[in-house]
Amino acid sequence: MKIKSVTIDLDGTLLDTVPDLAAAANAMLRELGRDEFPVEIIAGFIGRGIPKLVERCLPDLDPSAVEQAQAVFRRHYAVENGRRSTLFPGVLEGLRALRDAGLPLAVITNKAAAFTEPLLVATGLAPWFEFAVSGDSLPHKKPHPAQLLHACERMGTSPAENLHIGDSHHDAAAARAAGCPVFIVPYGYNEGADVQGIDCDAIVASLAEAARRIASASAVRP
């Protein structure tokens, strides 16, 4: 692969955001008079943005009631966002290696923009990235390819030259639809499913391993 840029998923790839999301979800449930969920259950609800997370927390509600509940969740998440989130092992090492290699970096996430930027700032990740494309930045989000195509256009690279790194089948599907190579990390959320069997170019243990693979491929390329 001739890689000239890298896009990276946020929740489950760069950051373990489950503690913040679970705190907000359970605060929403308490406010609505519902029973709370264990953190590990809420982790399985994550992967397709806030609307799907709230819907999965409240499966018996109709769409109108779920939409109202989303407003409650967002209010609580604005308080919890970034308070407990932590970087996964190898993230800083990988980001440093990718930037040292001269590769522009962008975040691709289904998280709403109102939460993406504060989270990147709170966790110290903002300076590593050129920009972020959030779930509501465009009319479509992952697994649609629009976010990746938009990022490639902004970075001036073709999709075939952009490596996407994520943690789920939505990341892989978006990358394949856009024509980007894709690496998957095994420690993320993927809606509670195993990543084995996902159509990707490699499953890598960390961002650090992803950076080493890129460097190795570049070293042997004629």
N, C-alpha and C. Protein backbone atom coordinates (compact mmCIF):
# COMPACT_ATOMS: atom_id res chain seq x y z
N MET A 1 0.83 -1.19 0.00
CA MET A 1 0.00 0.00 0.00
C MET A 1 0.87 1.25 0.00
N LYS A 2 0.52 2.19 -0.83
CA LYS A 2 1.18 3.49 -0.86
C LYS A 2 0.29 4.46 -0.10
N ILE A 3 0.58 4.64 1.18
CA ILE A 3 -0.28 5.42 2.05
C ILE A 3 0.22 6.86 2.13
N LYS A 4 -0.69 7.81 1.87
CA LYS A 4 -0.35 9.23 1.93
C LYS A 4 -1.15 9.99 2.98
N SER A 5 -2.16 9.36 3.55
CA SER A 5 -2.93 9.97 4.63
C SER A 5 -3.60 8.87 5.44
N VAL A 6 -4.02 9.21 6.66
CA VAL A 6 -4.65 8.24 7.55
C VAL A 6 -5.87 8.87 8.21
N THR A 7 -6.99 8.15 8.17
CA THR A 7 -8.18 8.55 8.91
C THR A 7 -8.42 7.53 10.02
N ILE A 8 -8.87 8.01 11.17
CA ILE A 8 -8.98 7.14 12.34
C ILE A 8 -10.32 7.36 13.04
N ASP A 9 -10.97 6.27 13.37
CA ASP A 9 -12.20 6.30 14.16
C ASP A 9 -11.88 6.78 15.57
N LEU A 10 -12.88 7.30 16.27
CA LEU A 10 -12.65 7.89 17.60
C LEU A 10 -13.01 6.91 18.72
N ASP A 11 -14.31 6.69 18.95
CA ASP A 11 -14.74 5.81 20.04
C ASP A 11 -14.37 4.36 19.75
N GLY A 12 -13.60 3.76 20.64
CA GLY A 12 -13.24 2.36 20.48
C GLY A 12 -11.96 2.12 19.71
N THR A 13 -11.41 3.16 19.10
CA THR A 13 -10.16 3.03 18.36
C THR A 13 -9.08 3.90 18.99
N LEU A 14 -9.37 5.18 19.14
CA LEU A 14 -8.45 6.09 19.82
C LEU A 14 -8.72 6.12 21.33
N LEU A 15 -10.00 6.18 21.67
CA LEU A 15 -10.38 6.39 23.06
C LEU A 15 -11.37 5.35 23.57
N ASP A 16 -11.21 4.98 24.83
CA ASP A 16 -12.22 4.20 25.53
C ASP A 16 -13.20 5.20 26.13
N THR A 17 -14.31 5.42 25.44
CA THR A 17 -15.30 6.40 25.87
C THR A 17 -16.50 5.76 26.57
N VAL A 18 -16.47 4.45 26.74
CA VAL A 18 -17.60 3.76 27.36
C VAL A 18 -17.96 4.34 28.73
N PRO A 19 -16.99 4.64 29.60
CA PRO A 19 -17.37 5.16 30.92
C PRO A 19 -18.21 6.44 30.84
N ASP A 20 -17.85 7.35 29.94
CA ASP A 20 -18.61 8.60 29.80
C ASP A 20 -19.99 8.34 29.21
N LEU A 21 -20.04 7.52 28.17
CA LEU A 21 -21.32 7.22 27.52
C LEU A 21 -22.25 6.48 28.47
N ALA A 22 -21.69 5.56 29.24
CA ALA A 22 -22.51 4.81 30.19
C ALA A 22 -23.04 5.72 31.30
N ALA A 23 -22.20 6.63 31.76
CA ALA A 23 -22.64 7.56 32.81
C ALA A 23 -23.79 8.42 32.32
N ALA A 24 -23.68 8.90 31.08
CA ALA A 24 -24.74 9.74 30.51
C ALA A 24 -26.01 8.92 30.26
N ALA A 25 -25.84 7.71 29.74
CA ALA A 25 -26.99 6.86 29.45
C ALA A 25 -27.74 6.51 30.73
N ASN A 26 -27.01 6.17 31.76
CA ASN A 26 -27.67 5.80 33.01
C ASN A 26 -28.29 7.01 33.71
N ALA A 27 -27.69 8.18 33.55
CA ALA A 27 -28.30 9.40 34.07
C ALA A 27 -29.62 9.68 33.34
N MET A 28 -29.62 9.45 32.03
CA MET A 28 -30.86 9.59 31.26
C MET A 28 -31.91 8.61 31.75
N LEU A 29 -31.52 7.36 31.94
CA LEU A 29 -32.47 6.34 32.37
C LEU A 29 -33.03 6.66 33.76
N ARG A 30 -32.19 7.14 34.65
CA ARG A 30 -32.67 7.52 35.99
C ARG A 30 -33.69 8.65 35.89
N GLU A 31 -33.37 9.64 35.05
CA GLU A 31 -34.28 10.77 34.90
C GLU A 31 -35.63 10.33 34.33
N LEU A 32 -35.60 9.30 33.48
CA LEU A 32 -36.83 8.80 32.87
C LEU A 32 -37.51 7.73 33.72
N GLY A 33 -36.96 7.46 34.89
CA GLY A 33 -37.57 6.48 35.79
C GLY A 33 -37.33 5.05 35.37
N ARG A 34 -36.24 4.81 34.63
CA ARG A 34 -35.93 3.46 34.15
C ARG A 34 -34.78 2.86 34.95
N ASP A 35 -34.66 1.54 34.86
CA ASP A 35 -33.54 0.84 35.48
C ASP A 35 -32.26 1.12 34.68
N GLU A 36 -31.16 1.19 35.40
CA GLU A 36 -29.87 1.41 34.74
C GLU A 36 -29.35 0.11 34.14
N PHE A 37 -28.41 0.26 33.18
CA PHE A 37 -27.75 -0.88 32.58
C PHE A 37 -26.32 -0.99 33.10
N PRO A 38 -25.80 -2.21 33.23
CA PRO A 38 -24.36 -2.36 33.52
C PRO A 38 -23.53 -1.75 32.38
N VAL A 39 -22.35 -1.30 32.73
CA VAL A 39 -21.49 -0.65 31.74
C VAL A 39 -21.21 -1.56 30.55
N GLU A 40 -21.01 -2.86 30.81
CA GLU A 40 -20.67 -3.77 29.73
C GLU A 40 -21.83 -3.96 28.75
N ILE A 41 -23.05 -3.81 29.21
CA ILE A 41 -24.21 -3.88 28.31
C ILE A 41 -24.26 -2.65 27.43
N ILE A 42 -24.05 -1.48 28.01
CA ILE A 42 -24.06 -0.24 27.24
C ILE A 42 -22.95 -0.24 26.20
N ALA A 43 -21.82 -0.86 26.52
CA ALA A 43 -20.72 -0.95 25.55
C ALA A 43 -21.18 -1.62 24.27
N GLY A 44 -22.07 -2.60 24.38
CA GLY A 44 -22.58 -3.28 23.20
C GLY A 44 -23.57 -2.47 22.40
N PHE A 45 -24.05 -1.34 22.98
CA PHE A 45 -24.99 -0.46 22.29
C PHE A 45 -24.27 0.59 21.45
N ILE A 46 -22.96 0.71 21.62
CA ILE A 46 -22.19 1.79 21.00
C ILE A 46 -21.71 1.38 19.61
N GLY A 47 -21.71 2.34 18.68
CA GLY A 47 -21.15 2.06 17.37
C GLY A 47 -21.81 2.80 16.22
N ARG A 48 -23.04 3.29 16.44
CA ARG A 48 -23.71 3.97 15.35
C ARG A 48 -24.29 5.33 15.77
N GLY A 49 -23.64 5.94 16.75
CA GLY A 49 -24.03 7.28 17.15
C GLY A 49 -25.04 7.31 18.28
N ILE A 50 -25.32 8.52 18.75
CA ILE A 50 -26.21 8.72 19.88
C ILE A 50 -27.63 8.24 19.62
N PRO A 51 -28.23 8.52 18.46
CA PRO A 51 -29.61 8.06 18.25
C PRO A 51 -29.78 6.56 18.44
N LYS A 52 -28.84 5.77 17.89
CA LYS A 52 -28.93 4.32 18.03
C LYS A 52 -28.66 3.88 19.47
N LEU A 53 -27.73 4.55 20.14
CA LEU A 53 -27.45 4.22 21.54
C LEU A 53 -28.70 4.43 22.40
N VAL A 54 -29.35 5.56 22.24
CA VAL A 54 -30.56 5.85 23.02
C VAL A 54 -31.67 4.88 22.66
N GLU A 55 -31.82 4.58 21.39
CA GLU A 55 -32.84 3.63 20.95
C GLU A 55 -32.63 2.26 21.58
N ARG A 56 -31.38 1.84 21.67
CA ARG A 56 -31.09 0.53 22.25
C ARG A 56 -31.28 0.53 23.77
N CYS A 57 -31.10 1.67 24.40
CA CYS A 57 -31.37 1.77 25.83
C CYS A 57 -32.86 1.75 26.12
N LEU A 58 -33.66 2.20 25.15
CA LEU A 58 -35.11 2.33 25.35
C LEU A 58 -35.86 1.67 24.20
N PRO A 59 -35.73 0.35 24.06
CA PRO A 59 -36.27 -0.34 22.89
C PRO A 59 -37.80 -0.37 22.82
N ASP A 60 -38.47 -0.07 23.91
CA ASP A 60 -39.94 -0.13 23.92
C ASP A 60 -40.60 1.19 23.53
N LEU A 61 -39.80 2.25 23.31
CA LEU A 61 -40.37 3.55 22.99
C LEU A 61 -40.55 3.73 21.49
N ASP A 62 -41.53 4.54 21.11
CA ASP A 62 -41.72 4.84 19.70
C ASP A 62 -40.71 5.90 19.29
N PRO A 63 -40.51 6.11 17.96
CA PRO A 63 -39.48 7.04 17.48
C PRO A 63 -39.58 8.44 18.07
N SER A 64 -40.79 8.94 18.26
CA SER A 64 -40.96 10.29 18.81
C SER A 64 -40.45 10.37 20.25
N ALA A 65 -40.76 9.35 21.04
CA ALA A 65 -40.31 9.32 22.43
C ALA A 65 -38.79 9.14 22.51
N VAL A 66 -38.24 8.34 21.60
CA VAL A 66 -36.78 8.15 21.57
C VAL A 66 -36.09 9.47 21.25
N GLU A 67 -36.66 10.22 20.32
CA GLU A 67 -36.08 11.52 19.96
C GLU A 67 -36.08 12.46 21.16
N GLN A 68 -37.15 12.44 21.93
CA GLN A 68 -37.20 13.27 23.14
C GLN A 68 -36.15 12.80 24.16
N ALA A 69 -35.97 11.49 24.25
CA ALA A 69 -34.97 10.95 25.18
C ALA A 69 -33.56 11.33 24.76
N GLN A 70 -33.35 11.47 23.47
CA GLN A 70 -32.03 11.88 22.99
C GLN A 70 -31.63 13.23 23.56
N ALA A 71 -32.59 14.13 23.68
CA ALA A 71 -32.29 15.45 24.23
C ALA A 71 -31.85 15.33 25.69
N VAL A 72 -32.46 14.39 26.42
CA VAL A 72 -32.07 14.15 27.81
C VAL A 72 -30.65 13.58 27.86
N PHE A 73 -30.39 12.60 26.98
CA PHE A 73 -29.05 12.01 26.94
C PHE A 73 -28.01 13.08 26.62
N ARG A 74 -28.25 13.89 25.60
CA ARG A 74 -27.27 14.89 25.19
C ARG A 74 -26.97 15.89 26.31
N ARG A 75 -27.99 16.23 27.06
CA ARG A 75 -27.77 17.15 28.19
C ARG A 75 -26.82 16.54 29.21
N HIS A 76 -27.03 15.26 29.52
CA HIS A 76 -26.14 14.59 30.48
C HIS A 76 -24.76 14.34 29.88
N TYR A 77 -24.73 13.99 28.60
CA TYR A 77 -23.43 13.69 27.99
C TYR A 77 -22.56 14.94 27.88
N ALA A 78 -23.18 16.10 27.72
CA ALA A 78 -22.40 17.34 27.67
C ALA A 78 -21.62 17.54 28.96
N VAL A 79 -22.15 17.01 30.06
CA VAL A 79 -21.46 17.10 31.36
C VAL A 79 -20.41 16.00 31.49
N GLU A 80 -20.73 14.79 31.03
CA GLU A 80 -19.85 13.64 31.23
C GLU A 80 -18.74 13.51 30.18
N ASN A 81 -18.93 14.08 29.00
CA ASN A 81 -18.03 13.90 27.87
C ASN A 81 -16.58 14.26 28.21
N GLY A 82 -15.70 13.28 28.14
CA GLY A 82 -14.28 13.50 28.37
C GLY A 82 -13.84 13.37 29.82
N ARG A 83 -14.77 13.17 30.74
CA ARG A 83 -14.39 13.11 32.16
C ARG A 83 -13.65 11.84 32.50
N ARG A 84 -14.03 10.73 31.88
CA ARG A 84 -13.44 9.43 32.23
C ARG A 84 -12.79 8.73 31.04
N SER A 85 -12.91 9.29 29.86
CA SER A 85 -12.36 8.64 28.66
C SER A 85 -10.84 8.57 28.73
N THR A 86 -10.30 7.45 28.26
CA THR A 86 -8.85 7.25 28.29
C THR A 86 -8.35 6.75 26.94
N LEU A 87 -7.11 7.05 26.64
CA LEU A 87 -6.50 6.58 25.41
C LEU A 87 -6.19 5.09 25.52
N PHE A 88 -6.43 4.37 24.43
CA PHE A 88 -6.04 2.97 24.40
C PHE A 88 -4.52 2.85 24.30
N PRO A 89 -3.94 1.75 24.77
CA PRO A 89 -2.50 1.54 24.66
C PRO A 89 -2.02 1.63 23.21
N GLY A 90 -0.90 2.28 23.02
CA GLY A 90 -0.30 2.38 21.69
C GLY A 90 -0.80 3.54 20.86
N VAL A 91 -1.80 4.28 21.35
CA VAL A 91 -2.36 5.37 20.55
C VAL A 91 -1.36 6.50 20.36
N LEU A 92 -0.78 7.00 21.45
CA LEU A 92 0.17 8.12 21.30
C LEU A 92 1.40 7.70 20.52
N GLU A 93 1.89 6.49 20.77
CA GLU A 93 3.05 6.00 20.03
C GLU A 93 2.73 5.93 18.53
N GLY A 94 1.55 5.42 18.21
CA GLY A 94 1.16 5.32 16.82
C GLY A 94 0.97 6.67 16.17
N LEU A 95 0.30 7.60 16.85
CA LEU A 95 0.09 8.93 16.30
C LEU A 95 1.42 9.64 16.06
N ARG A 96 2.33 9.49 17.00
CA ARG A 96 3.64 10.12 16.85
C ARG A 96 4.38 9.56 15.64
N ALA A 97 4.33 8.26 15.46
CA ALA A 97 5.02 7.63 14.33
C ALA A 97 4.38 8.04 13.00
N LEU A 98 3.06 8.11 12.97
CA LEU A 98 2.37 8.50 11.74
C LEU A 98 2.68 9.94 11.38
N ARG A 99 2.70 10.81 12.38
CA ARG A 99 3.00 12.22 12.09
C ARG A 99 4.46 12.40 11.72
N ASP A 100 5.36 11.65 12.38
CA ASP A 100 6.78 11.72 12.02
C ASP A 100 7.02 11.26 10.59
N ALA A 101 6.13 10.38 10.10
CA ALA A 101 6.23 9.91 8.71
C ALA A 101 5.65 10.92 7.72
N GLY A 102 5.14 12.05 8.22
CA GLY A 102 4.62 13.10 7.37
C GLY A 102 3.21 12.86 6.85
N LEU A 103 2.47 11.96 7.51
CA LEU A 103 1.12 11.63 7.05
C LEU A 103 0.09 12.52 7.72
N PRO A 104 -0.74 13.23 6.95
CA PRO A 104 -1.83 14.00 7.55
C PRO A 104 -2.85 13.05 8.17
N LEU A 105 -3.42 13.46 9.31
CA LEU A 105 -4.34 12.61 10.06
C LEU A 105 -5.68 13.32 10.25
N ALA A 106 -6.76 12.55 10.16
CA ALA A 106 -8.09 13.09 10.41
C ALA A 106 -8.92 12.08 11.18
N VAL A 107 -9.83 12.57 12.00
CA VAL A 107 -10.75 11.73 12.75
C VAL A 107 -12.04 11.58 11.97
N ILE A 108 -12.54 10.34 11.90
CA ILE A 108 -13.83 10.05 11.29
C ILE A 108 -14.69 9.37 12.35
N THR A 109 -15.78 10.02 12.75
CA THR A 109 -16.59 9.48 13.84
C THR A 109 -18.07 9.69 13.59
N ASN A 110 -18.88 8.80 14.12
CA ASN A 110 -20.33 8.97 14.07
C ASN A 110 -20.84 9.81 15.25
N LYS A 111 -19.95 10.23 16.11
CA LYS A 111 -20.31 11.10 17.22
C LYS A 111 -20.69 12.48 16.69
N ALA A 112 -21.65 13.13 17.31
CA ALA A 112 -22.05 14.48 16.90
C ALA A 112 -20.91 15.46 17.10
N ALA A 113 -20.81 16.44 16.22
CA ALA A 113 -19.72 17.42 16.27
C ALA A 113 -19.68 18.17 17.59
N ALA A 114 -20.84 18.41 18.20
CA ALA A 114 -20.90 19.13 19.47
C ALA A 114 -20.13 18.41 20.57
N PHE A 115 -19.94 17.10 20.41
CA PHE A 115 -19.21 16.31 21.41
C PHE A 115 -17.81 15.92 20.93
N THR A 116 -17.61 15.85 19.61
CA THR A 116 -16.32 15.41 19.08
C THR A 116 -15.20 16.37 19.47
N GLU A 117 -15.35 17.64 19.15
CA GLU A 117 -14.28 18.60 19.40
C GLU A 117 -13.96 18.74 20.88
N PRO A 118 -14.96 18.89 21.76
CA PRO A 118 -14.63 18.96 23.20
C PRO A 118 -13.91 17.72 23.70
N LEU A 119 -14.28 16.55 23.18
CA LEU A 119 -13.64 15.31 23.62
C LEU A 119 -12.18 15.27 23.17
N LEU A 120 -11.91 15.67 21.94
CA LEU A 120 -10.53 15.69 21.44
C LEU A 120 -9.68 16.66 22.25
N VAL A 121 -10.26 17.79 22.62
CA VAL A 121 -9.53 18.78 23.42
C VAL A 121 -9.30 18.24 24.83
N ALA A 122 -10.34 17.68 25.45
CA ALA A 122 -10.24 17.21 26.83
C ALA A 122 -9.22 16.11 27.00
N THR A 123 -9.04 15.28 25.97
CA THR A 123 -8.13 14.14 26.06
C THR A 123 -6.75 14.43 25.46
N GLY A 124 -6.54 15.66 24.99
CA GLY A 124 -5.24 16.05 24.44
C GLY A 124 -4.97 15.55 23.04
N LEU A 125 -5.99 15.05 22.36
CA LEU A 125 -5.79 14.50 21.01
C LEU A 125 -5.91 15.54 19.91
N ALA A 126 -6.55 16.66 20.18
CA ALA A 126 -6.84 17.64 19.13
C ALA A 126 -5.61 18.06 18.31
N PRO A 127 -4.45 18.32 18.93
CA PRO A 127 -3.31 18.80 18.14
C PRO A 127 -2.76 17.78 17.12
N TRP A 128 -3.11 16.51 17.28
CA TRP A 128 -2.58 15.50 16.38
C TRP A 128 -3.28 15.46 15.03
N PHE A 129 -4.46 16.07 14.94
CA PHE A 129 -5.30 15.90 13.76
C PHE A 129 -5.53 17.20 12.99
N GLU A 130 -5.59 17.05 11.67
CA GLU A 130 -5.88 18.19 10.80
C GLU A 130 -7.32 18.67 11.03
N PHE A 131 -8.23 17.71 11.17
CA PHE A 131 -9.65 18.03 11.35
C PHE A 131 -10.37 16.76 11.75
N ALA A 132 -11.65 16.91 12.08
CA ALA A 132 -12.52 15.77 12.37
C ALA A 132 -13.77 15.89 11.52
N VAL A 133 -14.25 14.75 11.02
CA VAL A 133 -15.53 14.67 10.32
C VAL A 133 -16.48 13.89 11.22
N SER A 134 -17.48 14.57 11.76
CA SER A 134 -18.38 13.96 12.73
C SER A 134 -19.62 13.36 12.07
N GLY A 135 -20.43 12.73 12.88
CA GLY A 135 -21.60 12.04 12.36
C GLY A 135 -22.64 12.96 11.76
N ASP A 136 -22.64 14.23 12.19
CA ASP A 136 -23.60 15.18 11.63
C ASP A 136 -22.92 16.26 10.79
N SER A 137 -21.67 16.02 10.40
CA SER A 137 -20.97 16.98 9.54
C SER A 137 -21.49 16.94 8.11
N LEU A 138 -21.98 15.78 7.70
CA LEU A 138 -22.46 15.54 6.34
C LEU A 138 -23.83 14.88 6.41
N PRO A 139 -24.53 14.79 5.27
CA PRO A 139 -25.83 14.12 5.28
C PRO A 139 -25.76 12.63 5.62
N HIS A 140 -24.58 12.00 5.40
CA HIS A 140 -24.43 10.57 5.66
C HIS A 140 -23.25 10.32 6.59
N LYS A 141 -23.32 9.20 7.32
CA LYS A 141 -22.23 8.80 8.20
C LYS A 141 -21.94 7.32 8.00
N LYS A 142 -20.85 6.84 8.60
CA LYS A 142 -20.49 5.42 8.46
C LYS A 142 -21.67 4.53 8.82
N PRO A 143 -21.93 3.49 8.02
CA PRO A 143 -21.06 2.85 7.03
C PRO A 143 -21.09 3.44 5.63
N HIS A 144 -21.77 4.57 5.44
CA HIS A 144 -21.72 5.26 4.14
C HIS A 144 -20.30 5.80 3.93
N PRO A 145 -19.80 5.84 2.70
CA PRO A 145 -18.43 6.29 2.45
C PRO A 145 -18.23 7.80 2.45
N ALA A 146 -19.31 8.59 2.60
CA ALA A 146 -19.21 10.05 2.40
C ALA A 146 -18.15 10.71 3.27
N GLN A 147 -18.08 10.33 4.56
CA GLN A 147 -17.11 10.98 5.45
C GLN A 147 -15.67 10.73 5.01
N LEU A 148 -15.39 9.50 4.58
CA LEU A 148 -14.03 9.19 4.13
C LEU A 148 -13.70 9.90 2.84
N LEU A 149 -14.62 9.94 1.91
CA LEU A 149 -14.39 10.63 0.65
C LEU A 149 -14.17 12.12 0.89
N HIS A 150 -14.94 12.68 1.79
CA HIS A 150 -14.79 14.10 2.13
C HIS A 150 -13.41 14.36 2.75
N ALA A 151 -12.99 13.48 3.65
CA ALA A 151 -11.68 13.65 4.29
C ALA A 151 -10.55 13.55 3.28
N CYS A 152 -10.64 12.59 2.38
CA CYS A 152 -9.60 12.45 1.36
C CYS A 152 -9.51 13.71 0.49
N GLU A 153 -10.66 14.24 0.13
CA GLU A 153 -10.67 15.46 -0.69
C GLU A 153 -10.00 16.61 0.06
N ARG A 154 -10.30 16.75 1.35
CA ARG A 154 -9.70 17.83 2.13
C ARG A 154 -8.20 17.66 2.29
N MET A 155 -7.74 16.41 2.39
CA MET A 155 -6.31 16.17 2.58
C MET A 155 -5.56 16.07 1.26
N GLY A 156 -6.29 16.06 0.16
CA GLY A 156 -5.64 16.03 -1.15
C GLY A 156 -5.08 14.68 -1.52
N THR A 157 -5.68 13.61 -1.00
CA THR A 157 -5.22 12.26 -1.32
C THR A 157 -6.36 11.48 -1.96
N SER A 158 -6.01 10.48 -2.72
CA SER A 158 -7.04 9.62 -3.30
C SER A 158 -7.45 8.58 -2.26
N PRO A 159 -8.67 8.04 -2.34
CA PRO A 159 -9.08 7.02 -1.38
C PRO A 159 -8.13 5.83 -1.32
N ALA A 160 -7.59 5.43 -2.46
CA ALA A 160 -6.68 4.29 -2.48
C ALA A 160 -5.39 4.55 -1.71
N GLU A 161 -5.09 5.83 -1.47
CA GLU A 161 -3.87 6.21 -0.75
C GLU A 161 -4.15 6.56 0.71
N ASN A 162 -5.39 6.43 1.12
CA ASN A 162 -5.77 6.77 2.50
C ASN A 162 -6.09 5.50 3.29
N LEU A 163 -5.35 5.27 4.35
CA LEU A 163 -5.63 4.14 5.23
C LEU A 163 -6.62 4.57 6.30
N HIS A 164 -7.70 3.81 6.43
CA HIS A 164 -8.64 4.06 7.52
C HIS A 164 -8.42 3.02 8.61
N ILE A 165 -8.41 3.47 9.85
CA ILE A 165 -8.24 2.58 11.00
C ILE A 165 -9.46 2.71 11.89
N GLY A 166 -10.12 1.58 12.16
CA GLY A 166 -11.31 1.61 12.99
C GLY A 166 -11.45 0.36 13.82
N ASP A 167 -12.62 0.20 14.44
CA ASP A 167 -12.83 -0.93 15.35
C ASP A 167 -14.07 -1.74 15.02
N SER A 168 -14.73 -1.45 13.88
CA SER A 168 -16.02 -2.09 13.65
C SER A 168 -16.27 -2.41 12.18
N HIS A 169 -17.32 -3.20 11.97
CA HIS A 169 -17.70 -3.51 10.60
C HIS A 169 -18.20 -2.28 9.87
N HIS A 170 -18.69 -1.27 10.60
CA HIS A 170 -19.10 -0.02 9.96
C HIS A 170 -17.89 0.71 9.38
N ASP A 171 -16.78 0.68 10.11
CA ASP A 171 -15.54 1.28 9.59
C ASP A 171 -15.08 0.56 8.34
N ALA A 172 -15.10 -0.76 8.40
CA ALA A 172 -14.65 -1.55 7.25
C ALA A 172 -15.56 -1.34 6.04
N ALA A 173 -16.86 -1.33 6.27
CA ALA A 173 -17.81 -1.14 5.17
C ALA A 173 -17.65 0.23 4.54
N ALA A 174 -17.48 1.26 5.37
CA ALA A 174 -17.29 2.61 4.84
C ALA A 174 -16.01 2.70 4.01
N ALA A 175 -14.94 2.08 4.52
CA ALA A 175 -13.66 2.11 3.81
C ALA A 175 -13.75 1.37 2.49
N ARG A 176 -14.34 0.20 2.50
CA ARG A 176 -14.48 -0.57 1.26
C ARG A 176 -15.31 0.20 0.23
N ALA A 177 -16.41 0.83 0.69
CA ALA A 177 -17.27 1.58 -0.23
C ALA A 177 -16.55 2.80 -0.79
N ALA A 178 -15.65 3.37 0.00
CA ALA A 178 -14.90 4.55 -0.45
C ALA A 178 -13.70 4.18 -1.31
N GLY A 179 -13.26 2.92 -1.22
CA GLY A 179 -12.07 2.49 -1.94
C GLY A 179 -10.79 2.69 -1.15
N CYS A 180 -10.92 2.75 0.19
CA CYS A 180 -9.75 2.92 1.07
C CYS A 180 -9.31 1.58 1.65
N PRO A 181 -8.01 1.36 1.80
CA PRO A 181 -7.57 0.22 2.60
C PRO A 181 -7.97 0.45 4.05
N VAL A 182 -8.14 -0.63 4.81
CA VAL A 182 -8.63 -0.48 6.18
C VAL A 182 -7.99 -1.48 7.12
N PHE A 183 -7.56 -0.98 8.28
CA PHE A 183 -7.08 -1.81 9.39
C PHE A 183 -8.14 -1.76 10.49
N ILE A 184 -8.31 -2.88 11.20
CA ILE A 184 -9.25 -2.95 12.31
C ILE A 184 -8.51 -3.32 13.59
N VAL A 185 -8.82 -2.61 14.69
CA VAL A 185 -8.26 -2.97 16.00
C VAL A 185 -9.27 -3.88 16.71
N PRO A 186 -8.80 -4.84 17.50
CA PRO A 186 -9.70 -5.83 18.10
C PRO A 186 -10.27 -5.45 19.45
N TYR A 187 -9.85 -4.30 20.01
CA TYR A 187 -10.22 -3.99 21.39
C TYR A 187 -11.42 -3.05 21.51
N GLY A 188 -11.99 -2.63 20.39
CA GLY A 188 -13.06 -1.64 20.43
C GLY A 188 -14.42 -2.22 20.71
N TYR A 189 -15.45 -1.59 20.15
CA TYR A 189 -16.82 -1.93 20.52
C TYR A 189 -17.52 -2.82 19.50
N ASN A 190 -17.58 -2.43 18.24
CA ASN A 190 -18.19 -3.23 17.18
C ASN A 190 -19.55 -3.79 17.59
N GLU A 191 -20.29 -3.00 18.36
CA GLU A 191 -21.63 -3.37 18.81
C GLU A 191 -21.64 -4.74 19.52
N GLY A 192 -20.55 -5.03 20.22
CA GLY A 192 -20.47 -6.25 21.01
C GLY A 192 -20.03 -7.49 20.27
N ALA A 193 -19.80 -7.39 18.95
CA ALA A 193 -19.43 -8.56 18.14
C ALA A 193 -17.92 -8.67 17.99
N ASP A 194 -17.45 -9.88 17.72
CA ASP A 194 -16.03 -10.12 17.47
C ASP A 194 -15.65 -9.56 16.11
N VAL A 195 -14.43 -9.00 16.00
CA VAL A 195 -14.00 -8.41 14.73
C VAL A 195 -13.47 -9.45 13.75
N GLN A 196 -13.24 -10.67 14.22
CA GLN A 196 -12.75 -11.72 13.33
C GLN A 196 -13.77 -11.95 12.21
N GLY A 197 -13.29 -11.99 11.00
CA GLY A 197 -14.19 -12.20 9.88
C GLY A 197 -14.60 -10.91 9.19
N ILE A 198 -14.28 -9.75 9.77
CA ILE A 198 -14.56 -8.48 9.11
C ILE A 198 -13.68 -8.36 7.87
N ASP A 199 -14.25 -7.88 6.79
CA ASP A 199 -13.51 -7.69 5.54
C ASP A 199 -12.59 -6.48 5.69
N CYS A 200 -11.33 -6.76 6.02
CA CYS A 200 -10.35 -5.69 6.20
C CYS A 200 -8.99 -6.16 5.69
N ASP A 201 -8.05 -5.24 5.62
CA ASP A 201 -6.72 -5.59 5.13
C ASP A 201 -5.83 -6.15 6.23
N ALA A 202 -6.14 -5.83 7.48
CA ALA A 202 -5.39 -6.39 8.61
C ALA A 202 -6.13 -6.08 9.90
N ILE A 203 -5.99 -6.99 10.87
CA ILE A 203 -6.40 -6.71 12.23
C ILE A 203 -5.11 -6.43 13.00
N VAL A 204 -5.00 -5.22 13.55
CA VAL A 204 -3.76 -4.80 14.21
C VAL A 204 -4.02 -4.61 15.70
N ALA A 205 -3.04 -4.94 16.50
CA ALA A 205 -3.22 -4.90 17.96
C ALA A 205 -3.36 -3.48 18.49
N SER A 206 -2.79 -2.51 17.76
CA SER A 206 -2.79 -1.13 18.24
C SER A 206 -2.48 -0.18 17.10
N LEU A 207 -2.61 1.10 17.35
CA LEU A 207 -2.20 2.11 16.37
C LEU A 207 -0.70 2.05 16.14
N ALA A 208 0.03 1.69 17.20
CA ALA A 208 1.48 1.58 17.04
C ALA A 208 1.83 0.50 16.03
N GLU A 209 1.12 -0.64 16.08
CA GLU A 209 1.36 -1.69 15.09
C GLU A 209 0.96 -1.23 13.69
N ALA A 210 -0.13 -0.49 13.60
CA ALA A 210 -0.55 0.03 12.29
C ALA A 210 0.54 0.91 11.69
N ALA A 211 1.12 1.77 12.51
CA ALA A 211 2.18 2.66 12.03
C ALA A 211 3.40 1.86 11.59
N ARG A 212 3.73 0.79 12.34
CA ARG A 212 4.88 -0.04 11.96
C ARG A 212 4.63 -0.74 10.63
N ARG A 213 3.40 -1.19 10.41
CA ARG A 213 3.07 -1.87 9.14
C ARG A 213 3.19 -0.90 7.98
N ILE A 214 2.73 0.32 8.16
CA ILE A 214 2.84 1.33 7.11
C ILE A 214 4.31 1.60 6.81
N ALA A 215 5.11 1.76 7.86
CA ALA A 215 6.54 2.04 7.67
C ALA A 215 7.23 0.87 6.98
N SER A 216 6.85 -0.36 7.36
CA SER A 216 7.47 -1.54 6.74
C SER A 216 7.10 -1.63 5.27
N ALA A 217 5.84 -1.36 4.94
CA ALA A 217 5.41 -1.41 3.54
C ALA A 217 6.12 -0.35 2.73
N SER A 218 6.32 0.82 3.31
CA SER A 218 7.00 1.90 2.61
C SER A 218 8.47 1.57 2.38
N ALA A 219 9.06 0.85 3.34
CA ALA A 219 10.49 0.53 3.25
C ALA A 219 10.77 -0.46 2.10
N VAL A 220 9.80 -1.37 1.83
CA VAL A 220 10.04 -2.38 0.80
C VAL A 220 9.49 -1.96 -0.56
N ARG A 221 8.75 -0.85 -0.58
CA ARG A 221 8.17 -0.42 -1.86
C ARG A 221 9.26 0.09 -2.77
N PRO A 222 9.30 -0.32 -4.06
CA PRO A 222 10.35 0.17 -4.96
C PRO A 222 10.26 1.68 -5.16
